[in-house]
Amino acid sequence: MKIYRRLFAILLCIALALPLCGQPSYAANSYAITIGGNAGNAVTIPASGTVGAVITTGQNSVNKDMPAADHVAKANAMPGTLTASVNGALFNAYYNGGKTLSYPDNCAQIMGMLMSGGEVISRGSGKNVLLGVTEDGKYLIDRVNVAVSAIFRGKDKFTFWAVNTYHTDAGAIDLFTSQMGYSFALQSGAVVVRIQGGVVTDVQKGVTRLNVPAAGEKVIVYNANAWANACQWNTEPHVGNSAVVETVLTPEKAGTQADWNKVVTAVGCSPWLLEGGVDKFAENTNSDPKMARDYKAQRTFAAVMGDGSLMIGECTATFGQIIDYLKSIGAVDAMALDGGASSTLYTPQAGYIQPAGRKLASMLHFVDYGSTAAIPKKNQPVMNGEASAWAAAYVQKAQDTGLIPDGFNLMPKANITRAEFASLAVSLVRQYYSGSAYNSLLSRNGISYDDARAAFSDTYLMDVMQAYQMGIVAGKGEGKFDPNGSIKRMEAAVMLANTAKLVGREADGESLDYEDAKDIAWAADFVDFVTRAGIMGSASASRCVFNPLGYYTQEQALTTMVNLLP
C-alpha cells in the first residue's frame, strides 16, 4: 500500500507540473499555446527578482549578424544561468552577402533600439515601444521617449539624433561606440569628438572617414551645421573638458518612471499590442503591408502578465489574433518582436522550440543570477561631483568662505576651464578688495570694460572681462579668449602668479630643478614664482616634475586659491 501511495504522489507531482494548453506555466520552460486556431509555443519567466536580461549582438556589432547558436553560446558564457532566449530587434536581413559588406548600404543594420548595461547601443532617439528589464528583476513594456545626451563641463548639453547610426543631415549629431562594427564616410565639414574616461580626448576636423571606436571610447560626430551652431553659441566641446553621456527613459504609463530609471537591458520593436490590457495596435504607424493587423505571418511577441511575470511566445498568426489571445489570458502590456524568419525561441531544456530561419543581428536572453543583488547594474557614467579625499576640506572651505561664486558649476575632479578660473580668481581678489579699492585694480592697467569687451569675440562674461582688466588672464589670439578651453598646469601657473601678486603673496622660498623644465618654456618665470611662493610644486610624489602640459582640475585650483585667502 505504501508503494502505491508513493507512486500516486509522484504521478500527482508530475501532473501538477504539466502546463495546461494555452496557459502559462510560470516557469522558464516551454509550453504549447493556440492562437486563432494556430499552434504556437511560449515561455513564461517568473518575476522572481533573481532574473535579469542581457543582449548579444552579431559579432559584437549592431550592424552584423551571426547564427542563433552563436548568440546562445555567447550568453551561456556569461555569468548566471541562461533560462530562455528570443530574437531581438528588427534589422536589415536582406543585404547581399556575396558582395563586400559595408555600412550603411550592405550590412545587417539594426533598425530598432537596443540598450545594454543601461546604455543605448543602437538607435534610441525619440519614442520607442520598449521591453525593458530592470536591475532588480522587473519586466516593463511601454512606449518610451529615449533621449541620449552628452553634457560637457556639467552644463552644455547636446542630445544625439541616434547611437551607432549616421545621419547625413548637416545638422545631425550622432554617437558611436565600438558596437558600430564598420568604418564609414563622413559628410564634408564633419567634426569628430572623442571621449574616454569622462574626458574629451580629441577634437578632429577635416576627417573624411570614421573608423570603429576603440573599446570604452565614445565618439561624437557633429555634421557641419551642428558644429557651426555649437561654436556660435560657445557650447562646443574642447579637449580636456569633462564629458558625461547620459540616457533618460521617459515612459508614457503614469507611475512607472522610477522603474524605467532602473532599466539595464531593453529592446525596442513594434507594433505595440497592449497597454494596461487595452488594445494599442491602432497607434502604430508602420505602413508595411506585412505589419497590418490582419496579415498572417510567423510572429514573436512579449507580454507582461498581471503577476509581473513575462511571457515570450511565437506563433503563425495575425497581430489581431495575438492581441485577442493575450487579452484572454490576462496580459497587461505587450509588444511584438521581430518576426518572419527571424522568429526564434530557445530554452536550455527544450532547445530551439522555434529555430531561426536566418542569422540574427541581436538576441535577448533571460538569465537567472540567483539573487537580485547579482543582477548586472547600470553602467555608471564617469562623474566629477565628489572631491578627492585630499581636496575635500579645501573645497568645503572654499564654499564656506564664499570663494566659489554663485552659478559656478562645481565638479571638483573635472578640468577647470579658462572662464571658471577667471571667476575663481576674481572672487579671490574680492576677498581682499572691495569698493573703490577694487575699482582701482580694474583700472590699474588702463584697460576699460569696453576695451576688454572689444578684445574678445567669444565671451562677454563679466568675470572674464574683469580678470582681463586686472591682468590675471589674457587671450589666445585672434580675438579669442577660449572660455571653455581646459587649463594646463603651466597656464595655471601664469594665472595663479598674476593673482597671487595682486593679493600681495611673496615668493621667498627655494626654486626647484624640475626634470621637465625644458617643457615649461615661456612660462618658466611664472612656474618659478608659484614654486617659490608655495602655491604649486611637483606633480609627482616620487620625482621632481612639474608636468606643465597636464590639465589642472577644479579641486587643484580651489586648493591653491584657498591657500591664498586672507
Protein backbone atom coordinates (compact mmCIF):
# COMPACT_ATOMS: atom_id res chain seq x y z
CA MET A 1 0.00 0.00 0.00
CA LYS A 2 2.86 2.37 0.82
CA ILE A 3 4.31 1.72 -2.64
CA TYR A 4 1.03 2.70 -4.33
CA ARG A 5 0.73 5.82 -2.22
CA ARG A 6 4.27 6.82 -3.12
CA LEU A 7 3.62 6.15 -6.82
CA PHE A 8 0.39 8.19 -6.67
CA ALA A 9 2.28 11.11 -5.06
CA ILE A 10 4.93 11.04 -7.80
CA LEU A 11 2.30 10.94 -10.57
CA LEU A 12 0.38 13.79 -8.91
CA CYS A 13 3.53 15.95 -8.81
CA ILE A 14 4.16 15.24 -12.50
CA ALA A 15 0.58 16.12 -13.39
CA LEU A 16 0.71 19.37 -11.47
CA ALA A 17 3.93 20.27 -13.20
CA LEU A 18 2.41 19.92 -16.68
CA PRO A 19 1.04 23.21 -18.04
CA LEU A 20 -2.48 23.46 -19.41
CA CYS A 21 -2.66 24.10 -23.14
CA GLY A 22 -2.65 27.82 -23.82
CA GLN A 23 -1.91 28.75 -20.19
CA PRO A 24 1.41 29.97 -18.79
CA SER A 25 3.29 27.62 -16.51
CA TYR A 26 5.09 30.47 -14.71
CA ALA A 27 8.39 28.69 -15.02
CA ALA A 28 11.11 29.20 -17.58
CA ASN A 29 10.05 26.10 -19.51
CA SER A 30 8.26 25.98 -22.85
CA TYR A 31 4.63 25.03 -23.30
CA ALA A 32 2.16 24.83 -26.17
CA ILE A 33 -0.30 27.62 -26.93
CA THR A 34 -3.03 28.05 -29.52
CA ILE A 35 -3.71 31.44 -31.14
CA GLY A 36 -6.55 31.82 -33.64
CA GLY A 37 -6.57 28.07 -34.16
CA ASN A 38 -2.83 28.02 -34.85
CA ALA A 39 -0.35 26.09 -32.75
CA GLY A 40 2.46 28.01 -31.12
CA ASN A 41 4.82 27.95 -28.17
CA ALA A 42 5.60 30.18 -25.23
CA VAL A 43 7.87 30.52 -22.24
CA THR A 44 6.91 32.31 -19.02
CA ILE A 45 9.67 33.81 -16.93
CA PRO A 46 8.63 34.42 -13.34
CA ALA A 47 9.08 37.76 -11.61
CA SER A 48 11.33 36.14 -9.06
CA GLY A 49 13.63 39.11 -8.58
CA THR A 50 16.63 36.96 -9.50
CA VAL A 51 16.27 37.03 -13.30
CA GLY A 52 17.86 39.74 -15.40
CA ALA A 53 18.45 40.08 -19.12
CA VAL A 54 21.37 40.54 -21.49
CA ILE A 55 21.62 41.30 -25.18
CA THR A 56 24.03 39.71 -27.62
CA THR A 57 24.76 41.33 -30.97
CA GLY A 58 26.13 39.80 -34.14
CA GLN A 59 29.93 39.68 -33.85
CA ASN A 60 29.70 42.41 -31.17
CA SER A 61 28.24 44.86 -33.67
CA VAL A 62 24.79 46.35 -34.21
CA ASN A 63 25.44 46.15 -37.95
CA LYS A 64 26.44 42.48 -38.24
CA ASP A 65 24.73 39.14 -37.64
CA MET A 66 25.59 35.57 -36.67
CA PRO A 67 23.76 32.24 -36.18
CA ALA A 68 21.36 31.97 -33.26
CA ALA A 69 23.54 29.20 -31.85
CA ASP A 70 26.44 31.64 -31.57
CA HIS A 71 24.23 34.10 -29.72
CA VAL A 72 23.14 31.40 -27.28
CA ALA A 73 26.72 30.18 -26.81
CA LYS A 74 27.80 33.73 -26.05
CA ALA A 75 25.01 34.11 -23.48
CA ASN A 76 25.92 30.79 -21.88
CA ALA A 77 29.49 32.01 -21.44
CA MET A 78 28.28 34.93 -19.33
CA PRO A 79 27.71 34.81 -15.55
CA GLY A 80 24.44 33.29 -14.34
CA THR A 81 22.22 30.52 -15.69
CA LEU A 82 20.53 31.03 -19.05
CA THR A 83 16.79 30.34 -18.82
CA ALA A 84 15.39 31.46 -22.18
CA SER A 85 16.29 33.35 -25.35
CA VAL A 86 14.27 35.15 -28.01
CA ASN A 87 15.13 37.10 -31.14
CA GLY A 88 15.64 40.83 -30.71
CA ALA A 89 15.06 44.00 -32.73
CA LEU A 90 14.17 44.44 -36.40
CA PHE A 91 17.17 44.53 -38.70
CA ASN A 92 18.06 44.50 -42.40
CA ALA A 93 18.21 40.81 -43.20
CA TYR A 94 18.22 41.37 -46.97
CA TYR A 95 21.73 42.62 -47.59
CA ASN A 96 23.87 40.93 -50.25
CA GLY A 97 26.30 38.59 -48.53
CA GLY A 98 28.02 37.89 -51.83
CA LYS A 99 29.35 41.44 -52.02
CA THR A 100 31.68 43.36 -49.76
CA LEU A 101 29.82 44.25 -46.58
CA SER A 102 29.68 47.94 -45.78
CA TYR A 103 27.72 50.44 -43.74
CA PRO A 104 25.06 51.63 -44.39
CA ASP A 105 24.23 50.14 -47.80
CA ASN A 106 25.07 46.46 -47.39
CA CYS A 107 25.00 45.15 -43.83
CA ALA A 108 22.71 43.70 -41.18
CA GLN A 109 21.83 47.12 -39.79
CA ILE A 110 19.58 47.02 -36.68
CA MET A 111 16.52 49.22 -37.16
CA GLY A 112 15.23 49.10 -33.58
CA MET A 113 16.55 50.32 -30.23
CA LEU A 114 18.86 48.26 -28.05
CA MET A 115 20.06 49.11 -24.54
CA SER A 116 22.79 47.14 -22.79
CA GLY A 117 24.20 47.93 -19.36
CA GLY A 118 21.88 50.92 -19.16
CA GLU A 119 23.45 52.46 -22.27
CA VAL A 120 21.84 52.69 -25.69
CA ILE A 121 23.92 50.85 -28.28
CA SER A 122 21.56 51.18 -31.26
CA ARG A 123 19.23 53.95 -32.46
CA GLY A 124 17.37 55.24 -29.42
CA SER A 125 16.29 58.77 -30.30
CA GLY A 126 12.62 59.67 -29.79
CA LYS A 127 9.68 57.43 -28.91
CA ASN A 128 10.16 53.67 -28.94
CA VAL A 129 7.99 50.74 -27.86
CA LEU A 130 10.32 49.02 -25.42
CA LEU A 131 10.62 45.81 -23.48
CA GLY A 132 12.83 46.70 -20.52
CA VAL A 133 14.33 44.64 -17.71
CA THR A 134 15.45 46.42 -14.55
CA GLU A 135 18.42 45.88 -12.28
CA ASP A 136 16.03 44.48 -9.66
CA GLY A 137 14.38 41.94 -11.96
CA LYS A 138 11.18 43.68 -13.14
CA TYR A 139 9.77 43.41 -16.66
CA LEU A 140 8.32 46.51 -18.31
CA ILE A 141 6.64 47.25 -21.65
CA ASP A 142 5.59 50.73 -22.70
CA ARG A 143 6.06 53.43 -25.28
CA VAL A 144 9.07 55.33 -24.03
CA ASN A 145 10.82 58.50 -25.10
CA VAL A 146 14.55 57.85 -25.26
CA ALA A 147 17.00 60.75 -25.03
CA VAL A 148 20.75 60.10 -25.17
CA SER A 149 22.82 63.20 -24.49
CA ALA A 150 26.35 64.41 -23.85
CA ILE A 151 26.92 67.05 -21.19
CA PHE A 152 30.17 68.99 -21.41
CA ARG A 153 31.58 70.94 -18.48
CA GLY A 154 28.49 69.99 -16.50
CA LYS A 155 26.28 72.48 -18.31
CA ASP A 156 26.34 72.35 -22.13
CA LYS A 157 24.05 69.56 -23.30
CA PHE A 158 23.70 68.01 -26.76
CA THR A 159 21.06 65.36 -27.50
CA PHE A 160 22.04 62.85 -30.15
CA TRP A 161 19.95 62.03 -33.17
CA ALA A 162 20.90 58.37 -32.74
CA VAL A 163 23.53 55.94 -31.47
CA ASN A 164 25.62 53.90 -33.92
CA THR A 165 23.55 55.25 -36.81
CA TYR A 166 24.91 58.02 -39.02
CA HIS A 167 22.66 60.77 -40.31
CA THR A 168 23.85 62.78 -43.30
CA ASP A 169 21.75 65.85 -42.46
CA ALA A 170 24.08 68.83 -41.92
CA GLY A 171 22.51 69.49 -38.52
CA ALA A 172 22.91 65.95 -37.18
CA ILE A 173 24.83 64.93 -34.05
CA ASP A 174 25.33 61.15 -33.63
CA LEU A 175 27.12 59.00 -31.05
CA PHE A 176 29.25 55.97 -31.89
CA THR A 177 30.78 53.15 -29.82
CA SER A 178 32.80 50.01 -30.54
CA GLN A 179 29.48 48.30 -31.39
CA MET A 180 29.39 50.25 -34.67
CA GLY A 181 31.25 47.48 -36.46
CA TYR A 182 32.15 49.27 -39.71
CA SER A 183 34.07 52.36 -40.75
CA PHE A 184 32.11 54.77 -42.94
CA ALA A 185 32.40 58.04 -44.88
CA LEU A 186 31.58 61.35 -43.19
CA GLN A 187 29.90 64.39 -44.65
CA SER A 188 32.14 67.31 -45.61
CA GLY A 189 32.80 69.58 -42.66
CA ALA A 190 32.04 66.95 -40.00
CA VAL A 191 33.87 67.24 -36.68
CA VAL A 192 34.80 64.18 -34.61
CA VAL A 193 34.92 64.45 -30.81
CA ARG A 194 36.46 61.57 -28.86
CA ILE A 195 35.65 60.80 -25.22
CA GLN A 196 37.47 58.42 -22.91
CA GLY A 197 37.05 58.12 -19.16
CA GLY A 198 34.64 61.05 -18.95
CA VAL A 199 37.03 63.49 -20.65
CA VAL A 200 37.23 64.86 -24.19
CA THR A 201 40.50 63.45 -25.51
CA ASP A 202 40.47 64.82 -29.05
CA VAL A 203 38.57 67.15 -31.37
CA GLN A 204 39.29 66.34 -35.02
CA LYS A 205 38.38 68.48 -38.00
CA GLY A 206 38.76 67.57 -41.66
CA VAL A 207 38.13 63.87 -41.03
CA THR A 208 36.51 62.19 -44.04
CA ARG A 209 36.01 58.69 -42.63
CA LEU A 210 35.27 57.40 -39.14
CA ASN A 211 36.92 54.18 -38.03
CA VAL A 212 35.31 51.90 -35.44
CA PRO A 213 35.83 53.41 -31.97
CA ALA A 214 38.07 51.56 -29.53
CA ALA A 215 36.55 49.61 -26.65
CA GLY A 216 35.42 52.01 -23.93
CA GLU A 217 35.66 55.01 -26.25
CA LYS A 218 32.70 57.17 -27.23
CA VAL A 219 32.86 59.20 -30.42
CA ILE A 220 30.53 62.05 -31.34
CA VAL A 221 30.16 63.20 -34.92
CA TYR A 222 28.90 66.75 -35.43
CA ASN A 223 27.98 67.44 -39.02
CA ALA A 224 28.91 70.87 -40.38
CA ASN A 225 25.86 72.92 -39.34
CA ALA A 226 25.63 71.28 -35.92
CA TRP A 227 29.25 72.19 -35.19
CA ALA A 228 28.82 75.73 -36.51
CA ASN A 229 25.80 76.24 -34.25
CA ALA A 230 27.70 74.94 -31.22
CA CYS A 231 30.59 77.30 -31.95
CA GLN A 232 28.25 80.23 -32.49
CA TRP A 233 26.78 79.76 -29.01
CA ASN A 234 30.13 78.89 -27.47
CA THR A 235 28.99 75.47 -26.28
CA GLU A 236 31.25 73.24 -28.36
CA PRO A 237 33.45 70.69 -26.53
CA HIS A 238 37.18 71.29 -26.06
CA VAL A 239 39.96 68.82 -25.36
CA GLY A 240 40.17 68.20 -21.63
CA ASN A 241 36.54 69.13 -20.90
CA SER A 242 34.50 66.82 -18.71
CA ALA A 243 32.01 64.80 -20.72
CA VAL A 244 29.10 62.79 -19.35
CA VAL A 245 26.95 60.67 -21.65
CA GLU A 246 23.55 60.04 -20.10
CA THR A 247 20.42 58.16 -21.17
CA VAL A 248 16.98 59.23 -19.97
CA LEU A 249 13.94 56.98 -20.49
CA THR A 250 10.54 58.65 -20.09
CA PRO A 251 7.59 56.21 -20.20
CA GLU A 252 4.01 57.08 -21.09
CA LYS A 253 2.45 54.96 -18.35
CA ALA A 254 2.00 57.03 -15.19
CA GLY A 255 3.75 55.91 -12.04
CA THR A 256 6.43 53.78 -13.72
CA GLN A 257 9.25 56.35 -14.07
CA ALA A 258 11.17 55.03 -11.05
CA ASP A 259 11.23 51.53 -12.57
CA TRP A 260 12.32 52.77 -16.00
CA ASN A 261 15.16 54.64 -14.31
CA LYS A 262 16.48 51.21 -13.28
CA VAL A 263 16.30 49.57 -16.70
CA VAL A 264 19.57 47.86 -17.62
CA THR A 265 18.53 45.99 -20.76
CA ALA A 266 15.92 46.96 -23.33
CA VAL A 267 14.77 46.04 -26.83
CA GLY A 268 12.73 48.38 -29.00
CA CYS A 269 10.44 46.88 -31.61
CA SER A 270 6.91 47.15 -32.98
CA PRO A 271 3.99 47.02 -33.17
CA TRP A 272 2.66 47.93 -29.74
CA LEU A 273 -0.02 45.41 -28.80
CA LEU A 274 -1.38 46.14 -25.31
CA GLU A 275 -1.13 48.76 -22.59
CA GLY A 276 -2.95 48.07 -19.35
CA GLY A 277 -4.89 45.35 -21.13
CA VAL A 278 -6.12 47.80 -23.78
CA ASP A 279 -5.54 47.19 -27.49
CA LYS A 280 -2.88 49.69 -28.72
CA PHE A 281 -2.41 48.44 -32.27
CA ALA A 282 -4.18 51.44 -33.79
CA GLU A 283 -1.39 53.71 -32.51
CA ASN A 284 1.25 52.05 -34.69
CA THR A 285 2.36 53.91 -37.79
CA ASN A 286 4.20 51.24 -39.82
CA SER A 287 2.78 51.24 -43.36
CA ASP A 288 4.38 47.93 -44.43
CA PRO A 289 1.51 45.63 -45.54
CA LYS A 290 3.14 42.75 -43.65
CA MET A 291 2.71 44.78 -40.45
CA ALA A 292 -1.05 45.17 -40.93
CA ARG A 293 -3.33 43.94 -38.18
CA ASP A 294 -4.83 41.09 -40.21
CA TYR A 295 -1.71 39.95 -42.07
CA LYS A 296 -0.89 36.39 -41.02
CA ALA A 297 2.78 35.53 -40.57
CA GLN A 298 5.26 33.94 -38.21
CA ARG A 299 5.44 36.27 -35.19
CA THR A 300 7.21 36.53 -31.85
CA PHE A 301 5.93 38.66 -29.00
CA ALA A 302 6.42 39.56 -25.34
CA ALA A 303 3.81 40.27 -22.69
CA VAL A 304 3.93 41.34 -19.05
CA MET A 305 1.29 39.41 -17.07
CA GLY A 306 -0.79 40.54 -14.12
CA ASP A 307 1.56 38.95 -11.61
CA GLY A 308 4.60 40.69 -13.13
CA SER A 309 5.91 37.64 -14.96
CA LEU A 310 6.94 37.85 -18.61
CA MET A 311 5.63 35.67 -21.41
CA ILE A 312 7.62 35.36 -24.62
CA GLY A 313 5.93 33.45 -27.39
CA GLU A 314 5.81 32.54 -31.07
CA CYS A 315 3.04 31.58 -33.44
CA THR A 316 1.97 31.91 -37.06
CA ALA A 317 -0.93 34.31 -36.59
CA THR A 318 -2.16 37.83 -37.20
CA PHE A 319 -1.44 40.64 -34.78
CA GLY A 320 -5.17 40.87 -34.12
CA GLN A 321 -5.28 37.21 -33.10
CA ILE A 322 -2.24 37.62 -30.86
CA ILE A 323 -3.83 40.62 -29.16
CA ASP A 324 -7.10 38.73 -28.57
CA TYR A 325 -5.21 35.76 -27.15
CA LEU A 326 -3.11 37.88 -24.82
CA LYS A 327 -6.19 39.71 -23.55
CA SER A 328 -7.90 36.37 -22.90
CA ILE A 329 -5.12 35.18 -20.60
CA GLY A 330 -4.86 38.45 -18.67
CA ALA A 331 -1.79 40.04 -20.24
CA VAL A 332 -1.31 43.64 -19.15
CA ASP A 333 1.30 45.13 -21.51
CA ALA A 334 2.54 43.56 -24.75
CA MET A 335 4.55 44.20 -27.89
CA ALA A 336 5.73 42.30 -30.95
CA LEU A 337 9.35 41.42 -31.55
CA ASP A 338 10.94 40.80 -34.92
CA GLY A 339 9.13 38.07 -36.86
CA GLY A 340 9.24 36.05 -40.05
CA ALA A 341 12.44 34.03 -40.49
CA SER A 342 13.95 35.90 -37.53
CA SER A 343 11.48 34.28 -35.12
CA THR A 344 13.42 32.31 -32.52
CA LEU A 345 12.54 30.82 -29.15
CA TYR A 346 15.00 28.80 -27.10
CA THR A 347 15.29 27.25 -23.65
CA PRO A 348 18.11 25.02 -22.39
CA GLN A 349 15.58 22.29 -21.59
CA ALA A 350 13.73 22.22 -24.92
CA GLY A 351 16.39 23.63 -27.24
CA TYR A 352 15.18 25.61 -30.25
CA ILE A 353 11.41 25.49 -29.90
CA GLN A 354 11.27 27.82 -32.87
CA PRO A 355 14.55 27.77 -34.81
CA ALA A 356 15.65 30.88 -36.66
CA GLY A 357 15.48 30.79 -40.43
CA ARG A 358 18.40 33.20 -40.80
CA LYS A 359 21.33 34.70 -38.96
CA LEU A 360 20.32 37.24 -36.31
CA ALA A 361 21.66 40.69 -35.55
CA SER A 362 20.59 40.51 -31.89
CA MET A 363 19.04 38.20 -29.31
CA LEU A 364 17.57 38.86 -25.88
CA HIS A 365 18.50 36.36 -23.17
CA PHE A 366 16.98 35.91 -19.71
CA VAL A 367 19.47 34.86 -17.09
CA ASP A 368 18.93 33.69 -13.52
CA TYR A 369 21.62 35.20 -11.29
CA GLY A 370 20.46 33.57 -8.08
CA SER A 371 19.66 36.83 -6.31
CA THR A 372 18.50 40.33 -7.11
CA ALA A 373 21.83 41.68 -5.84
CA ALA A 374 23.71 39.70 -8.50
CA ILE A 375 21.73 41.07 -11.48
CA PRO A 376 24.01 43.38 -13.52
CA LYS A 377 23.55 47.05 -12.68
CA LYS A 378 23.54 50.04 -14.97
CA ASN A 379 26.92 51.30 -16.14
CA GLN A 380 27.61 54.47 -14.21
CA PRO A 381 28.87 57.46 -16.22
CA VAL A 382 32.14 58.99 -15.07
CA MET A 383 31.12 61.83 -12.78
CA ASN A 384 33.16 64.60 -11.20
CA GLY A 385 30.79 65.60 -8.44
CA GLU A 386 32.74 64.45 -5.38
CA ALA A 387 36.06 65.92 -4.34
CA SER A 388 39.07 63.67 -3.79
CA ALA A 389 39.80 62.86 -0.15
CA TRP A 390 42.87 65.12 -0.10
CA ALA A 391 40.90 68.06 -1.51
CA ALA A 392 37.60 67.71 0.35
CA ALA A 393 38.50 70.09 3.20
CA TYR A 394 39.77 72.74 0.78
CA VAL A 395 36.64 72.53 -1.37
CA GLN A 396 34.48 72.82 1.74
CA LYS A 397 36.40 75.86 2.94
CA ALA A 398 36.04 77.44 -0.50
CA GLN A 399 32.29 77.01 -0.17
CA ASP A 400 32.17 78.24 3.43
CA THR A 401 34.17 81.40 2.71
CA GLY A 402 32.22 82.32 -0.41
CA LEU A 403 35.22 81.80 -2.68
CA ILE A 404 33.03 79.77 -5.03
CA PRO A 405 30.78 82.34 -6.72
CA ASP A 406 27.05 81.91 -7.35
CA GLY A 407 26.35 79.96 -10.53
CA PHE A 408 29.73 78.24 -10.52
CA ASN A 409 29.31 74.67 -11.80
CA LEU A 410 31.24 72.77 -9.12
CA MET A 411 32.71 69.47 -10.37
CA PRO A 412 35.90 69.13 -8.30
CA LYS A 413 37.61 66.41 -10.33
CA ALA A 414 36.84 68.00 -13.69
CA ASN A 415 39.47 70.01 -15.53
CA ILE A 416 38.94 73.69 -14.84
CA THR A 417 38.12 75.88 -17.82
CA ARG A 418 39.53 79.34 -18.53
CA ALA A 419 36.21 81.01 -17.73
CA GLU A 420 35.87 79.07 -14.47
CA PHE A 421 39.38 80.03 -13.41
CA ALA A 422 38.66 83.70 -14.17
CA SER A 423 35.56 83.52 -11.93
CA LEU A 424 37.51 81.98 -9.04
CA ALA A 425 40.39 84.46 -9.41
CA VAL A 426 38.04 87.46 -9.39
CA SER A 427 36.24 86.01 -6.36
CA LEU A 428 39.57 85.61 -4.55
CA VAL A 429 40.63 89.20 -5.26
CA ARG A 430 37.27 90.40 -3.92
CA GLN A 431 38.16 88.72 -0.62
CA TYR A 432 40.91 91.35 -0.31
CA TYR A 433 39.48 94.40 -2.04
CA SER A 434 36.05 95.97 -2.31
CA GLY A 435 34.52 99.28 -3.36
CA SER A 436 36.92 101.90 -4.66
CA ALA A 437 39.97 99.73 -3.91
CA TYR A 438 38.64 97.02 -6.20
CA ASN A 439 37.76 99.58 -8.88
CA SER A 440 41.32 100.86 -8.74
CA LEU A 441 42.58 97.37 -9.53
CA LEU A 442 40.30 97.26 -12.56
CA SER A 443 41.80 100.45 -13.94
CA ARG A 444 45.43 99.76 -12.95
CA ASN A 445 46.41 98.65 -16.46
CA GLY A 446 44.45 101.33 -18.26
CA ILE A 447 42.04 98.77 -19.73
CA SER A 448 38.40 99.81 -19.56
CA TYR A 449 35.45 97.45 -19.59
CA ASP A 450 34.73 98.49 -23.18
CA ASP A 451 38.32 97.68 -24.10
CA ALA A 452 38.00 94.25 -22.53
CA ARG A 453 34.70 93.55 -24.25
CA ALA A 454 36.15 94.56 -27.60
CA ALA A 455 39.16 92.29 -27.07
CA PHE A 456 37.18 89.03 -27.35
CA SER A 457 34.56 87.83 -29.76
CA ASP A 458 33.77 84.56 -27.96
CA THR A 459 32.77 85.70 -24.47
CA TYR A 460 31.26 88.65 -22.64
CA LEU A 461 31.31 87.08 -19.16
CA MET A 462 31.84 89.82 -16.57
CA ASP A 463 34.39 87.81 -14.57
CA VAL A 464 36.46 87.25 -17.70
CA MET A 465 36.31 90.95 -18.53
CA GLN A 466 37.45 91.95 -15.05
CA ALA A 467 40.16 89.27 -14.84
CA TYR A 468 41.47 90.60 -18.15
CA GLN A 469 41.38 94.21 -16.91
CA MET A 470 43.41 93.24 -13.82
CA GLY A 471 45.98 91.31 -15.88
CA ILE A 472 45.12 87.89 -14.41
CA VAL A 473 44.24 86.32 -17.76
CA ALA A 474 44.97 87.04 -21.40
CA GLY A 475 43.50 85.95 -24.71
CA LYS A 476 44.51 83.12 -27.01
CA GLY A 477 44.98 85.37 -30.04
CA GLU A 478 42.79 86.36 -32.96
CA GLY A 479 40.24 87.95 -30.64
CA LYS A 480 39.53 84.69 -28.79
CA PHE A 481 39.52 84.04 -25.08
CA ASP A 482 38.51 80.36 -25.39
CA PRO A 483 36.32 80.36 -22.26
CA ASN A 484 35.62 76.60 -22.40
CA GLY A 485 39.22 75.60 -23.01
CA SER A 486 40.82 73.43 -20.31
CA ILE A 487 43.80 74.92 -18.47
CA LYS A 488 47.15 73.16 -18.43
CA ARG A 489 49.41 73.33 -15.40
CA MET A 490 51.82 75.82 -16.95
CA GLU A 491 48.88 78.08 -17.87
CA ALA A 492 47.54 77.74 -14.34
CA ALA A 493 50.95 78.80 -13.02
CA VAL A 494 50.77 82.01 -15.05
CA MET A 495 47.26 82.87 -13.88
CA LEU A 496 47.98 81.94 -10.26
CA ALA A 497 51.17 84.01 -10.24
CA ASN A 498 49.26 87.01 -11.57
CA THR A 499 46.51 86.51 -9.00
CA ALA A 500 48.96 85.96 -6.11
CA LYS A 501 50.81 89.18 -6.90
CA LEU A 502 47.54 91.13 -6.82
CA VAL A 503 46.77 89.91 -3.29
CA GLY A 504 50.32 90.52 -2.04
CA ARG A 505 51.69 86.98 -1.89
CA GLU A 506 55.50 86.87 -1.57
CA ALA A 507 57.75 84.33 -3.29
CA ASP A 508 60.64 83.87 -0.89
CA GLY A 509 61.08 80.09 -0.94
CA GLU A 510 63.53 77.91 -2.83
CA SER A 511 63.39 77.18 -6.55
CA LEU A 512 63.15 73.58 -7.75
CA ASP A 513 65.09 71.99 -10.58
CA TYR A 514 62.23 70.31 -12.42
CA GLU A 515 63.23 67.36 -14.61
CA ASP A 516 60.84 68.57 -17.31
CA ALA A 517 61.98 72.22 -17.18
CA LYS A 518 62.58 72.21 -20.96
CA ASP A 519 58.82 71.72 -21.50
CA ILE A 520 57.91 74.73 -19.35
CA ALA A 521 59.40 77.14 -21.89
CA TRP A 522 57.77 80.60 -21.90
CA ALA A 523 56.12 80.05 -18.52
CA ALA A 524 59.41 79.41 -16.67
CA ASP A 525 59.38 82.64 -14.63
CA PHE A 526 55.77 82.11 -13.57
CA VAL A 527 56.39 78.49 -12.63
CA ASP A 528 59.40 79.57 -10.59
CA PHE A 529 57.27 82.20 -8.79
CA VAL A 530 54.45 79.81 -7.81
CA THR A 531 57.06 77.24 -6.75
CA ARG A 532 58.95 79.68 -4.50
CA ALA A 533 55.64 81.05 -3.18
CA GLY A 534 54.50 77.55 -2.24
CA ILE A 535 51.43 77.78 -4.46
CA MET A 536 52.29 74.94 -6.84
CA GLY A 537 55.00 72.31 -6.80
CA SER A 538 55.95 68.91 -8.14
CA ALA A 539 53.17 66.91 -9.76
CA SER A 540 54.73 63.67 -8.50
CA ALA A 541 55.46 62.39 -5.02
CA SER A 542 58.50 60.43 -6.21
CA ARG A 543 60.03 62.73 -8.85
CA CYS A 544 60.61 66.44 -9.22
CA VAL A 545 58.44 67.06 -12.27
CA PHE A 546 56.05 69.94 -12.92
CA ASN A 547 54.04 68.25 -15.70
CA PRO A 548 53.44 71.57 -17.47
CA LEU A 549 51.18 70.09 -20.15
CA GLY A 550 48.96 68.20 -17.71
CA TYR A 551 45.49 69.56 -17.02
CA TYR A 552 44.59 71.50 -13.88
CA THR A 553 41.40 70.44 -12.11
CA GLN A 554 38.85 72.48 -10.20
CA GLU A 555 39.89 70.94 -6.89
CA GLN A 556 43.54 71.76 -7.55
CA ALA A 557 42.62 75.36 -8.39
CA LEU A 558 40.43 75.63 -5.30
CA THR A 559 43.15 74.19 -3.08
CA THR A 560 45.74 76.71 -4.27
CA MET A 561 43.29 79.60 -4.01
CA VAL A 562 42.16 78.61 -0.51
CA ASN A 563 45.83 78.87 0.49
CA LEU A 564 45.78 82.43 -0.87
CA LEU A 565 42.75 83.51 1.19
CA PRO A 566 43.31 86.35 3.71
